Amino acid sequence: MVFLASVLELYESLVAGKIGNTNLKKEDYDQIDPEEMELIDIRWCMVSAVRRAQPFMEITGRKSIV
């Protein structure tokens, strides 16, 4: 359930245009743990999938893809 909440939070940030921090420099990003980056990547992929699925569900009138 926590994962789903984080996906929704990231999706809302994407819609609001709040993803990314213009104040961070390359040195700041180099300090991020590779495992954490992979988790961020997985969350980003989930957000992208949800974003693509919503128009599909609206067009087809389905309540869920499964």
Protein backbone atom coordinates (compact mmCIF):
# COMPACT_ATOMS: atom_id res chain seq x y z
CA MET A 1 0.00 0.00 0.00
CA VAL A 2 2.92 2.33 0.72
CA PHE A 3 4.26 1.70 -2.77
CA LEU A 4 0.93 2.63 -4.34
CA ALA A 5 0.82 5.82 -2.26
CA SER A 6 4.31 6.77 -3.44
CA VAL A 7 3.33 6.10 -7.06
CA LEU A 8 0.30 8.34 -6.71
CA GLU A 9 2.40 11.02 -5.04
CA LEU A 10 4.91 10.92 -7.89
CA TYR A 11 2.12 11.05 -10.45
CA GLU A 12 0.63 14.11 -8.78
CA SER A 13 4.08 15.72 -8.76
CA LEU A 14 4.46 14.94 -12.45
CA VAL A 15 1.12 16.56 -13.24
CA ALA A 16 1.97 19.58 -11.11
CA GLY A 17 5.40 19.90 -12.76
CA LYS A 18 7.24 19.61 -9.46
CA ILE A 19 9.60 16.76 -10.32
CA GLY A 20 13.26 17.70 -10.24
CA ASN A 21 15.13 20.28 -8.22
CA THR A 22 16.89 23.07 -10.10
CA ASN A 23 18.99 23.92 -7.02
CA LEU A 24 20.86 20.58 -7.04
CA LYS A 25 24.21 20.17 -8.75
CA LYS A 26 25.93 17.10 -10.21
CA GLU A 27 27.83 16.55 -6.95
CA ASP A 28 24.53 16.34 -5.09
CA TYR A 29 23.17 13.74 -7.51
CA ASP A 30 26.42 11.72 -7.28
CA GLN A 31 25.73 11.19 -3.56
CA ILE A 32 22.49 9.32 -4.25
CA ASP A 33 22.71 5.60 -3.55
CA PRO A 34 22.47 3.47 -6.75
CA GLU A 35 19.87 1.26 -5.07
CA GLU A 36 17.78 4.32 -4.29
CA MET A 37 18.13 5.45 -7.92
CA GLU A 38 16.78 2.09 -9.06
CA LEU A 39 13.80 2.47 -6.74
CA ILE A 40 13.18 5.94 -8.14
CA ASP A 41 13.39 4.51 -11.66
CA ILE A 42 10.84 1.80 -10.82
CA ARG A 43 8.48 4.40 -9.36
CA TRP A 44 8.91 6.57 -12.45
CA CYS A 45 8.04 3.61 -14.68
CA MET A 46 4.92 2.93 -12.63
CA VAL A 47 3.85 6.56 -12.91
CA SER A 48 4.38 6.44 -16.67
CA ALA A 49 2.28 3.28 -16.94
CA VAL A 50 -0.55 4.83 -14.90
CA ARG A 51 -0.38 7.96 -17.02
CA ARG A 52 -0.70 5.94 -20.24
CA ALA A 53 -3.44 3.71 -18.84
CA GLN A 54 -5.78 6.52 -17.81
CA PRO A 55 -6.60 7.72 -21.36
CA PHE A 56 -7.00 4.09 -22.46
CA MET A 57 -9.52 3.44 -19.69
CA GLU A 58 -11.40 6.63 -20.56
CA ILE A 59 -11.58 5.72 -24.26
CA THR A 60 -12.67 2.13 -23.69
CA GLY A 61 -14.90 2.86 -20.70
CA ARG A 62 -13.15 0.19 -18.62
CA LYS A 63 -12.79 0.51 -14.87
CA SER A 64 -9.53 -1.46 -14.81
CA ILE A 65 -7.08 -2.92 -17.30
CA VAL A 66 -7.03 -6.41 -15.79
